[in-house]
Amino acid sequence: MGFEALPDPRVIRGYFPPGRAGTFATLQAMRSLALQGAKHPLVRGTALQILQRSSVPERDLLGELRALFRFVQDGVRFTRDVRNVETLQTADYTLRMRAGDCDDKAVLLAALLLAVGHPADLRYKVIATDPARPAEFTHVYVVADVGNGPIPLDATAHQPAGWEYGGALAAGELRI
């Protein structure tokens, strides 16, 4: 079963088959949400406000990326999904609620970057971190490249841009 729209179209939930097929179906849904979110006036307006309030000079692509990353990292509370129900939020919903899990924060960050025309090569990276389930992906974050190589942007970790979990047991990526 795929995702189903709830009465409030800003949140979708569903059950995917186990394993990689379900993971990559989730990543495809996240990709769609980020692309839609980039066009939402609240998302673009928020991205513009973040950049205007930061001390980042115009056309400083790495500085813009870091400013938007810090906003999602610090301004959106990590909150888990409903138990045993994968839930994906639209970028505007995550902005309004200021809460979401790793996939919600990743969707929001990608949407903010896209909303200001950021030319970074964006990807979602999924990793498996649980030794008891080494083949099951349990975490996702954005990876961007502004020409200097990949920059992991894990907005749920309290680490700077560029930090990456070193103990991944498996990994996969999907271009946004």
C-alpha atoms as a PDB file:
ATOM      1  CA  MET A   1       0.000   0.000   0.000  1.00  0.00           C
ATOM      2  CA  GLY A   2       1.256   3.502  -0.760  1.00  0.00           C
ATOM      3  CA  PHE A   3       0.555   6.779   0.941  1.00  0.00           C
ATOM      4  CA  GLU A   4      -2.980   8.020   1.440  1.00  0.00           C
ATOM      5  CA  ALA A   5      -4.036  11.635   1.687  1.00  0.00           C
ATOM      6  CA  LEU A   6      -5.585  12.594   4.987  1.00  0.00           C
ATOM      7  CA  PRO A   7      -8.455  15.087   5.209  1.00  0.00           C
ATOM      8  CA  ASP A   8      -5.731  17.670   5.815  1.00  0.00           C
ATOM      9  CA  PRO A   9      -3.618  17.373   2.645  1.00  0.00           C
ATOM     10  CA  ARG A  10      -0.567  18.721   4.450  1.00  0.00           C
ATOM     11  CA  VAL A  11       0.091  15.335   6.054  1.00  0.00           C
ATOM     12  CA  ILE A  12       0.190  11.989   4.317  1.00  0.00           C
ATOM     13  CA  ARG A  13       0.621   8.612   5.905  1.00  0.00           C
ATOM     14  CA  GLY A  14       0.850   5.083   4.740  1.00  0.00           C
ATOM     15  CA  TYR A  15       2.356   1.668   5.002  1.00  0.00           C
ATOM     16  CA  PHE A  16       5.010   0.555   2.562  1.00  0.00           C
ATOM     17  CA  PRO A  17       6.346  -2.890   1.989  1.00  0.00           C
ATOM     18  CA  PRO A  18       9.359  -3.694   4.115  1.00  0.00           C
ATOM     19  CA  GLY A  19      12.865  -3.318   2.837  1.00  0.00           C
ATOM     20  CA  ARG A  20      14.469  -1.236   0.144  1.00  0.00           C
ATOM     21  CA  ALA A  21      11.375  -1.009  -2.061  1.00  0.00           C
ATOM     22  CA  GLY A  22       9.446   0.702   0.730  1.00  0.00           C
ATOM     23  CA  THR A  23      12.370   2.947   1.593  1.00  0.00           C
ATOM     24  CA  PHE A  24      12.784   4.181  -1.950  1.00  0.00           C
ATOM     25  CA  ALA A  25       9.020   4.672  -2.362  1.00  0.00           C
ATOM     26  CA  THR A  26       9.195   6.886   0.741  1.00  0.00           C
ATOM     27  CA  LEU A  27      12.124   8.805  -0.756  1.00  0.00           C
ATOM     28  CA  GLN A  28      10.142   9.359  -3.967  1.00  0.00           C
ATOM     29  CA  ALA A  29       7.246  10.767  -1.926  1.00  0.00           C
ATOM     30  CA  MET A  30       9.700  13.024  -0.057  1.00  0.00           C
ATOM     31  CA  ARG A  31      11.124  14.232  -3.369  1.00  0.00           C
ATOM     32  CA  SER A  32       7.624  15.191  -4.556  1.00  0.00           C
ATOM     33  CA  LEU A  33       6.875  16.981  -1.290  1.00  0.00           C
ATOM     34  CA  ALA A  34      10.104  19.007  -1.499  1.00  0.00           C
ATOM     35  CA  LEU A  35       9.430  20.048  -5.090  1.00  0.00           C
ATOM     36  CA  GLN A  36       5.857  21.065  -4.196  1.00  0.00           C
ATOM     37  CA  GLY A  37       7.007  22.804  -1.024  1.00  0.00           C
ATOM     38  CA  ALA A  38       9.532  24.931  -2.884  1.00  0.00           C
ATOM     39  CA  LYS A  39       6.640  26.613  -4.691  1.00  0.00           C
ATOM     40  CA  HIS A  40       4.613  27.352  -1.551  1.00  0.00           C
ATOM     41  CA  PRO A  41       4.561  31.073  -0.619  1.00  0.00           C
ATOM     42  CA  LEU A  42       5.161  30.336   3.080  1.00  0.00           C
ATOM     43  CA  VAL A  43       8.242  28.246   2.299  1.00  0.00           C
ATOM     44  CA  ARG A  44       9.731  30.799  -0.094  1.00  0.00           C
ATOM     45  CA  GLY A  45       8.891  33.685   2.238  1.00  0.00           C
ATOM     46  CA  THR A  46      10.509  31.892   5.165  1.00  0.00           C
ATOM     47  CA  ALA A  47      13.647  31.138   3.140  1.00  0.00           C
ATOM     48  CA  LEU A  48      13.900  34.785   2.073  1.00  0.00           C
ATOM     49  CA  GLN A  49      13.471  35.995   5.671  1.00  0.00           C
ATOM     50  CA  ILE A  50      16.143  33.609   6.932  1.00  0.00           C
ATOM     51  CA  LEU A  51      18.619  34.819   4.335  1.00  0.00           C
ATOM     52  CA  GLN A  52      17.745  38.494   4.841  1.00  0.00           C
ATOM     53  CA  ARG A  53      18.218  38.194   8.612  1.00  0.00           C
ATOM     54  CA  SER A  54      21.485  36.304   8.326  1.00  0.00           C
ATOM     55  CA  SER A  55      24.809  37.976   7.816  1.00  0.00           C
ATOM     56  CA  VAL A  56      25.461  35.868   4.721  1.00  0.00           C
ATOM     57  CA  PRO A  57      26.549  37.967   1.725  1.00  0.00           C
ATOM     58  CA  GLU A  58      24.543  37.681  -1.487  1.00  0.00           C
ATOM     59  CA  ARG A  59      25.678  34.859  -3.762  1.00  0.00           C
ATOM     60  CA  ASP A  60      27.516  33.093  -0.938  1.00  0.00           C
ATOM     61  CA  LEU A  61      26.067  29.697  -1.769  1.00  0.00           C
ATOM     62  CA  LEU A  62      27.722  27.829   1.081  1.00  0.00           C
ATOM     63  CA  GLY A  63      26.687  30.533   3.567  1.00  0.00           C
ATOM     64  CA  GLU A  64      23.075  30.386   2.352  1.00  0.00           C
ATOM     65  CA  LEU A  65      23.061  26.615   2.616  1.00  0.00           C
ATOM     66  CA  ARG A  66      24.375  26.773   6.170  1.00  0.00           C
ATOM     67  CA  ALA A  67      21.885  29.485   7.222  1.00  0.00           C
ATOM     68  CA  LEU A  68      18.906  27.478   5.953  1.00  0.00           C
ATOM     69  CA  PHE A  69      20.327  24.300   7.513  1.00  0.00           C
ATOM     70  CA  ARG A  70      20.728  25.975  10.921  1.00  0.00           C
ATOM     71  CA  PHE A  71      17.144  27.225  10.783  1.00  0.00           C
ATOM     72  CA  VAL A  72      15.768  23.707  10.246  1.00  0.00           C
ATOM     73  CA  GLN A  73      18.195  22.189  12.734  1.00  0.00           C
ATOM     74  CA  ASP A  74      17.468  24.683  15.514  1.00  0.00           C
ATOM     75  CA  GLY A  75      13.980  25.942  14.667  1.00  0.00           C
ATOM     76  CA  VAL A  76      12.133  22.671  14.082  1.00  0.00           C
ATOM     77  CA  ARG A  77      11.733  20.289  17.021  1.00  0.00           C
ATOM     78  CA  PHE A  78      12.508  16.633  16.336  1.00  0.00           C
ATOM     79  CA  THR A  79       9.298  14.729  17.037  1.00  0.00           C
ATOM     80  CA  ARG A  80       8.719  11.097  16.062  1.00  0.00           C
ATOM     81  CA  ASP A  81       5.855   9.852  13.877  1.00  0.00           C
ATOM     82  CA  VAL A  82       2.790   8.123  15.239  1.00  0.00           C
ATOM     83  CA  ARG A  83       3.931   4.709  16.460  1.00  0.00           C
ATOM     84  CA  ASN A  84       4.188   2.209  13.568  1.00  0.00           C
ATOM     85  CA  VAL A  85       2.795   4.692  11.023  1.00  0.00           C
ATOM     86  CA  GLU A  86       5.128   6.366   8.547  1.00  0.00           C
ATOM     87  CA  THR A  87       3.951   9.956   8.257  1.00  0.00           C
ATOM     88  CA  LEU A  88       5.283  12.560   5.843  1.00  0.00           C
ATOM     89  CA  GLN A  89       4.507  16.251   6.260  1.00  0.00           C
ATOM     90  CA  THR A  90       4.513  18.936   3.607  1.00  0.00           C
ATOM     91  CA  ALA A  91       7.157  21.607   4.022  1.00  0.00           C
ATOM     92  CA  ASP A  92       4.600  24.305   4.869  1.00  0.00           C
ATOM     93  CA  TYR A  93       2.991  22.081   7.519  1.00  0.00           C
ATOM     94  CA  THR A  94       6.367  21.414   9.144  1.00  0.00           C
ATOM     95  CA  LEU A  95       7.019  25.175   9.152  1.00  0.00           C
ATOM     96  CA  ARG A  96       3.670  25.856  10.830  1.00  0.00           C
ATOM     97  CA  MET A  97       4.049  23.096  13.413  1.00  0.00           C
ATOM     98  CA  ARG A  98       7.806  23.660  13.934  1.00  0.00           C
ATOM     99  CA  ALA A  99       8.073  19.909  14.533  1.00  0.00           C
ATOM    100  CA  GLY A 100       8.778  16.742  12.573  1.00  0.00           C
ATOM    101  CA  ASP A 101      11.032  13.731  12.341  1.00  0.00           C
ATOM    102  CA  CYS A 102      14.075  13.232  10.129  1.00  0.00           C
ATOM    103  CA  ASP A 103      12.116  12.867   6.898  1.00  0.00           C
ATOM    104  CA  ASP A 104      10.018  15.967   7.634  1.00  0.00           C
ATOM    105  CA  LYS A 105      13.111  18.038   8.416  1.00  0.00           C
ATOM    106  CA  ALA A 106      14.811  16.754   5.254  1.00  0.00           C
ATOM    107  CA  VAL A 107      11.787  17.659   3.104  1.00  0.00           C
ATOM    108  CA  LEU A 108      11.659  21.141   4.636  1.00  0.00           C
ATOM    109  CA  LEU A 109      15.380  21.787   4.170  1.00  0.00           C
ATOM    110  CA  ALA A 110      15.304  20.650   0.547  1.00  0.00           C
ATOM    111  CA  ALA A 111      12.203  22.793  -0.116  1.00  0.00           C
ATOM    112  CA  LEU A 112      13.794  25.891   1.457  1.00  0.00           C
ATOM    113  CA  LEU A 113      16.928  25.482  -0.661  1.00  0.00           C
ATOM    114  CA  LEU A 114      14.906  24.929  -3.833  1.00  0.00           C
ATOM    115  CA  ALA A 115      12.584  27.856  -3.005  1.00  0.00           C
ATOM    116  CA  VAL A 116      15.433  30.342  -3.328  1.00  0.00           C
ATOM    117  CA  GLY A 117      16.774  28.728  -6.480  1.00  0.00           C
ATOM    118  CA  HIS A 118      19.741  27.209  -4.736  1.00  0.00           C
ATOM    119  CA  PRO A 119      21.903  25.567  -7.387  1.00  0.00           C
ATOM    120  CA  ALA A 120      23.183  22.852  -5.075  1.00  0.00           C
ATOM    121  CA  ASP A 121      23.007  19.278  -6.276  1.00  0.00           C
ATOM    122  CA  LEU A 122      20.590  17.913  -3.655  1.00  0.00           C
ATOM    123  CA  ARG A 123      20.111  14.295  -2.625  1.00  0.00           C
ATOM    124  CA  TYR A 124      18.416  12.418   0.164  1.00  0.00           C
ATOM    125  CA  LYS A 125      20.654   9.919   1.881  1.00  0.00           C
ATOM    126  CA  VAL A 126      19.234   7.042   3.895  1.00  0.00           C
ATOM    127  CA  ILE A 127      21.291   5.024   6.322  1.00  0.00           C
ATOM    128  CA  ALA A 128      20.880   1.934   8.465  1.00  0.00           C
ATOM    129  CA  THR A 129      22.144   2.467  12.007  1.00  0.00           C
ATOM    130  CA  ASP A 130      20.658  -0.347  14.085  1.00  0.00           C
ATOM    131  CA  PRO A 131      22.991  -3.365  14.489  1.00  0.00           C
ATOM    132  CA  ALA A 132      19.943  -5.531  15.226  1.00  0.00           C
ATOM    133  CA  ARG A 133      18.485  -4.562  11.809  1.00  0.00           C
ATOM    134  CA  PRO A 134      21.524  -3.861   9.592  1.00  0.00           C
ATOM    135  CA  ALA A 135      19.574  -3.956   6.321  1.00  0.00           C
ATOM    136  CA  GLU A 136      16.763  -1.623   7.454  1.00  0.00           C
ATOM    137  CA  PHE A 137      17.121   2.076   6.714  1.00  0.00           C
ATOM    138  CA  THR A 138      16.207   4.085   9.800  1.00  0.00           C
ATOM    139  CA  HIS A 139      17.427   7.616   9.114  1.00  0.00           C
ATOM    140  CA  VAL A 140      17.392  10.136   6.257  1.00  0.00           C
ATOM    141  CA  TYR A 141      18.995  13.526   5.659  1.00  0.00           C
ATOM    142  CA  VAL A 142      19.938  15.893   2.841  1.00  0.00           C
ATOM    143  CA  VAL A 143      23.290  15.915   1.083  1.00  0.00           C
ATOM    144  CA  ALA A 144      24.135  18.995  -0.993  1.00  0.00           C
ATOM    145  CA  ASP A 145      26.975  19.864  -3.310  1.00  0.00           C
ATOM    146  CA  VAL A 146      27.684  23.463  -4.299  1.00  0.00           C
ATOM    147  CA  GLY A 147      30.779  22.498  -6.258  1.00  0.00           C
ATOM    148  CA  ASN A 148      33.192  21.671  -3.442  1.00  0.00           C
ATOM    149  CA  GLY A 149      32.056  18.097  -2.853  1.00  0.00           C
ATOM    150  CA  PRO A 150      29.186  16.581  -0.879  1.00  0.00           C
ATOM    151  CA  ILE A 151      28.042  18.308   2.314  1.00  0.00           C
ATOM    152  CA  PRO A 152      25.886  16.164   4.616  1.00  0.00           C
ATOM    153  CA  LEU A 153      23.087  18.200   6.229  1.00  0.00           C
ATOM    154  CA  ASP A 154      21.629  16.129   9.052  1.00  0.00           C
ATOM    155  CA  ALA A 155      19.183  18.563  10.629  1.00  0.00           C
ATOM    156  CA  THR A 156      18.289  16.139  13.428  1.00  0.00           C
ATOM    157  CA  ALA A 157      21.849  15.839  14.712  1.00  0.00           C
ATOM    158  CA  HIS A 158      23.194  18.629  16.853  1.00  0.00           C
ATOM    159  CA  GLN A 159      26.276  18.803  14.675  1.00  0.00           C
ATOM    160  CA  PRO A 160      27.502  21.339  12.109  1.00  0.00           C
ATOM    161  CA  ALA A 161      26.852  21.115   8.388  1.00  0.00           C
ATOM    162  CA  GLY A 162      29.241  18.546   6.970  1.00  0.00           C
ATOM    163  CA  TRP A 163      28.994  16.150   9.910  1.00  0.00           C
ATOM    164  CA  GLU A 164      27.960  12.631   9.033  1.00  0.00           C
ATOM    165  CA  TYR A 165      27.144   9.601  11.167  1.00  0.00           C
ATOM    166  CA  GLY A 166      30.179   7.360  10.956  1.00  0.00           C
ATOM    167  CA  GLY A 167      28.570   4.059  11.893  1.00  0.00           C
ATOM    168  CA  ALA A 168      26.180   3.531   8.960  1.00  0.00           C
ATOM    169  CA  LEU A 169      25.699  -0.158   8.241  1.00  0.00           C
ATOM    170  CA  ALA A 170      24.108   0.505   4.827  1.00  0.00           C
ATOM    171  CA  ALA A 171      23.358   3.599   2.761  1.00  0.00           C
ATOM    172  CA  GLY A 172      21.387   4.695  -0.280  1.00  0.00           C
ATOM    173  CA  GLU A 173      20.664   7.963  -2.098  1.00  0.00           C
ATOM    174  CA  LEU A 174      18.022   9.552  -4.283  1.00  0.00           C
ATOM    175  CA  ARG A 175      18.564  12.776  -6.221  1.00  0.00           C
ATOM    176  CA  ILE A 176      15.974  15.462  -5.535  1.00  0.00           C
END
